[in-house]
């Protein structure tokens, strides 16, 4: 009985290892474009935040 469980466990583990490369995520053109948009939005957001900080500093009379 123990031998059957061990063989079954090895078979399941081997099957899962064989299937994992098939689950590899491939990036299509839409996902690539989406990531580019995300990066652009993040960059613009950081610049807007920096500009806001500069405006606040200017209102206080500070210079950087």
N, C-alpha and C. Protein backbone atom coordinates (compact mmCIF):
# COMPACT_ATOMS: atom_id res chain seq x y z
N UNK A 1 0.82 -1.19 0.00
CA UNK A 1 0.00 0.00 0.00
C UNK A 1 0.87 1.26 0.00
N UNK A 2 1.91 1.25 0.82
CA UNK A 2 2.81 2.40 0.90
C UNK A 2 3.53 2.60 -0.44
N UNK A 3 3.89 1.51 -1.12
CA UNK A 3 4.57 1.59 -2.42
C UNK A 3 3.66 2.23 -3.46
N UNK A 4 2.38 1.91 -3.42
CA UNK A 4 1.43 2.48 -4.38
C UNK A 4 1.30 3.99 -4.15
N UNK A 5 1.25 4.43 -2.90
CA UNK A 5 1.18 5.85 -2.60
C UNK A 5 2.43 6.58 -3.06
N UNK A 6 3.59 5.96 -2.83
CA UNK A 6 4.85 6.58 -3.23
C UNK A 6 4.94 6.72 -4.74
N UNK A 7 4.56 5.67 -5.46
CA UNK A 7 4.60 5.71 -6.92
C UNK A 7 3.60 6.75 -7.43
N UNK A 8 2.45 6.81 -6.83
CA UNK A 8 1.44 7.79 -7.23
C UNK A 8 1.92 9.21 -6.99
N UNK A 9 2.57 9.42 -5.85
CA UNK A 9 3.10 10.74 -5.52
C UNK A 9 4.18 11.16 -6.52
N UNK A 10 5.06 10.25 -6.86
CA UNK A 10 6.11 10.53 -7.84
C UNK A 10 5.49 10.83 -9.21
N UNK A 11 4.47 10.09 -9.57
CA UNK A 11 3.81 10.31 -10.86
C UNK A 11 3.16 11.70 -10.90
N UNK A 12 2.45 12.08 -9.83
CA UNK A 12 1.79 13.39 -9.78
C UNK A 12 2.83 14.50 -9.81
N UNK A 13 3.91 14.35 -9.04
CA UNK A 13 4.95 15.38 -9.03
C UNK A 13 5.59 15.52 -10.41
N UNK A 14 5.87 14.41 -11.06
CA UNK A 14 6.44 14.45 -12.41
C UNK A 14 5.50 15.11 -13.40
N UNK A 15 4.21 14.80 -13.29
CA UNK A 15 3.21 15.40 -14.18
C UNK A 15 3.16 16.91 -13.99
N UNK A 16 3.15 17.35 -12.74
CA UNK A 16 3.11 18.80 -12.46
C UNK A 16 4.36 19.50 -12.98
N UNK A 17 5.51 18.88 -12.80
CA UNK A 17 6.75 19.47 -13.30
C UNK A 17 6.76 19.54 -14.82
N UNK A 18 6.17 18.56 -15.47
CA UNK A 18 6.12 18.56 -16.93
C UNK A 18 5.15 19.62 -17.45
N UNK A 19 4.12 19.94 -16.68
CA UNK A 19 3.11 20.91 -17.11
C UNK A 19 3.51 22.35 -16.84
N UNK A 20 4.39 22.60 -15.90
CA UNK A 20 4.74 23.97 -15.55
C UNK A 20 5.29 24.80 -16.71
N UNK A 21 6.15 24.28 -17.55
CA UNK A 21 6.62 25.11 -18.67
C UNK A 21 5.49 25.52 -19.62
N UNK A 22 4.44 24.73 -19.70
CA UNK A 22 3.30 25.08 -20.53
C UNK A 22 2.50 26.24 -19.98
N UNK A 23 2.68 26.55 -18.70
CA UNK A 23 1.95 27.65 -18.07
C UNK A 23 2.72 28.96 -18.14
N UNK A 24 3.82 28.95 -18.86
CA UNK A 24 4.64 30.16 -18.96
C UNK A 24 3.83 31.29 -19.55
N UNK A 25 3.89 32.43 -18.90
CA UNK A 25 3.11 33.58 -19.35
C UNK A 25 3.85 34.27 -20.49
N UNK A 26 3.18 34.36 -21.61
CA UNK A 26 3.77 35.04 -22.76
C UNK A 26 3.08 36.38 -22.91
N UNK A 27 3.88 37.41 -23.05
CA UNK A 27 3.36 38.77 -23.13
C UNK A 27 3.01 39.10 -24.58
N UNK A 28 1.77 39.45 -24.79
CA UNK A 28 1.33 39.84 -26.11
C UNK A 28 1.48 41.34 -26.33
N UNK A 29 1.15 41.80 -27.51
CA UNK A 29 1.32 43.23 -27.81
C UNK A 29 0.44 44.13 -26.94
N UNK A 30 -0.75 43.68 -26.61
CA UNK A 30 -1.64 44.50 -25.78
C UNK A 30 -1.08 44.64 -24.36
N UNK A 31 -0.57 43.55 -23.82
CA UNK A 31 -0.01 43.62 -22.47
C UNK A 31 1.26 44.48 -22.46
N UNK A 32 2.06 44.36 -23.51
CA UNK A 32 3.26 45.18 -23.62
C UNK A 32 2.89 46.66 -23.67
N UNK A 33 1.87 47.00 -24.45
CA UNK A 33 1.41 48.39 -24.54
C UNK A 33 0.85 48.85 -23.20
N UNK A 34 0.12 47.99 -22.52
CA UNK A 34 -0.43 48.33 -21.22
C UNK A 34 0.66 48.65 -20.20
N UNK A 35 1.74 47.88 -20.23
CA UNK A 35 2.85 48.14 -19.31
C UNK A 35 3.51 49.47 -19.65
N UNK A 36 3.62 49.79 -20.94
CA UNK A 36 4.20 51.06 -21.34
C UNK A 36 3.33 52.22 -20.85
N UNK A 37 2.03 52.07 -20.95
CA UNK A 37 1.12 53.11 -20.46
C UNK A 37 1.24 53.25 -18.95
N UNK A 38 1.32 52.13 -18.25
CA UNK A 38 1.47 52.18 -16.79
C UNK A 38 2.74 52.92 -16.40
N UNK A 39 3.83 52.63 -17.09
CA UNK A 39 5.10 53.31 -16.80
C UNK A 39 5.00 54.81 -17.08
N UNK A 40 4.35 55.17 -18.17
CA UNK A 40 4.20 56.58 -18.53
C UNK A 40 3.35 57.31 -17.49
N UNK A 41 2.26 56.69 -17.06
CA UNK A 41 1.39 57.30 -16.05
C UNK A 41 2.14 57.46 -14.74
N UNK A 42 2.92 56.47 -14.36
CA UNK A 42 3.70 56.54 -13.14
C UNK A 42 4.72 57.68 -13.21
N UNK A 43 5.38 57.81 -14.35
CA UNK A 43 6.37 58.87 -14.55
C UNK A 43 5.72 60.25 -14.47
N UNK A 44 4.59 60.41 -15.14
CA UNK A 44 3.88 61.70 -15.11
C UNK A 44 3.41 62.00 -13.70
N UNK A 45 2.93 61.01 -12.99
CA UNK A 45 2.47 61.21 -11.61
C UNK A 45 3.59 61.70 -10.71
N UNK A 46 4.78 61.14 -10.88
CA UNK A 46 5.92 61.57 -10.07
C UNK A 46 6.31 63.00 -10.40
N UNK A 47 6.25 63.36 -11.68
CA UNK A 47 6.60 64.73 -12.08
C UNK A 47 5.57 65.72 -11.54
N UNK A 48 4.30 65.34 -11.57
CA UNK A 48 3.25 66.22 -11.03
C UNK A 48 3.44 66.41 -9.53
N UNK A 49 3.77 65.34 -8.85
CA UNK A 49 4.00 65.43 -7.40
C UNK A 49 5.18 66.36 -7.11
N UNK A 50 6.25 66.22 -7.88
CA UNK A 50 7.43 67.07 -7.68
C UNK A 50 7.07 68.54 -7.96
N UNK A 51 6.30 68.78 -9.00
CA UNK A 51 5.87 70.14 -9.32
C UNK A 51 5.02 70.71 -8.19
N UNK A 52 4.13 69.91 -7.65
CA UNK A 52 3.31 70.35 -6.51
C UNK A 52 4.16 70.71 -5.31
N UNK A 53 5.19 69.91 -5.05
CA UNK A 53 6.10 70.21 -3.94
C UNK A 53 6.83 71.53 -4.19
N UNK A 54 7.26 71.73 -5.44
CA UNK A 54 7.95 72.97 -5.77
C UNK A 54 7.03 74.18 -5.60
N UNK A 55 5.77 74.04 -5.98
CA UNK A 55 4.81 75.13 -5.81
C UNK A 55 4.60 75.44 -4.33
N UNK A 56 4.49 74.40 -3.51
CA UNK A 56 4.32 74.60 -2.08
C UNK A 56 5.54 75.28 -1.48
N UNK A 57 6.73 74.85 -1.91
CA UNK A 57 7.96 75.48 -1.42
C UNK A 57 8.03 76.94 -1.84
N UNK A 58 7.62 77.24 -3.08
CA UNK A 58 7.64 78.61 -3.56
C UNK A 58 6.64 79.47 -2.78
N UNK A 59 5.53 78.89 -2.42
CA UNK A 59 4.52 79.63 -1.66
C UNK A 59 5.03 79.96 -0.26
N UNK A 60 5.89 79.08 0.26
CA UNK A 60 6.47 79.31 1.60
C UNK A 60 7.69 80.22 1.51
N UNK A 61 8.17 80.49 0.30
CA UNK A 61 9.35 81.33 0.13
C UNK A 61 10.65 80.56 0.13
N UNK A 62 10.58 79.24 0.05
CA UNK A 62 11.79 78.40 0.02
C UNK A 62 12.20 78.16 -1.42
N UNK A 63 13.48 77.94 -1.62
CA UNK A 63 13.99 77.58 -2.94
C UNK A 63 14.80 76.30 -2.83
N UNK A 64 14.71 75.49 -3.85
CA UNK A 64 15.52 74.26 -3.89
C UNK A 64 16.61 74.40 -4.90
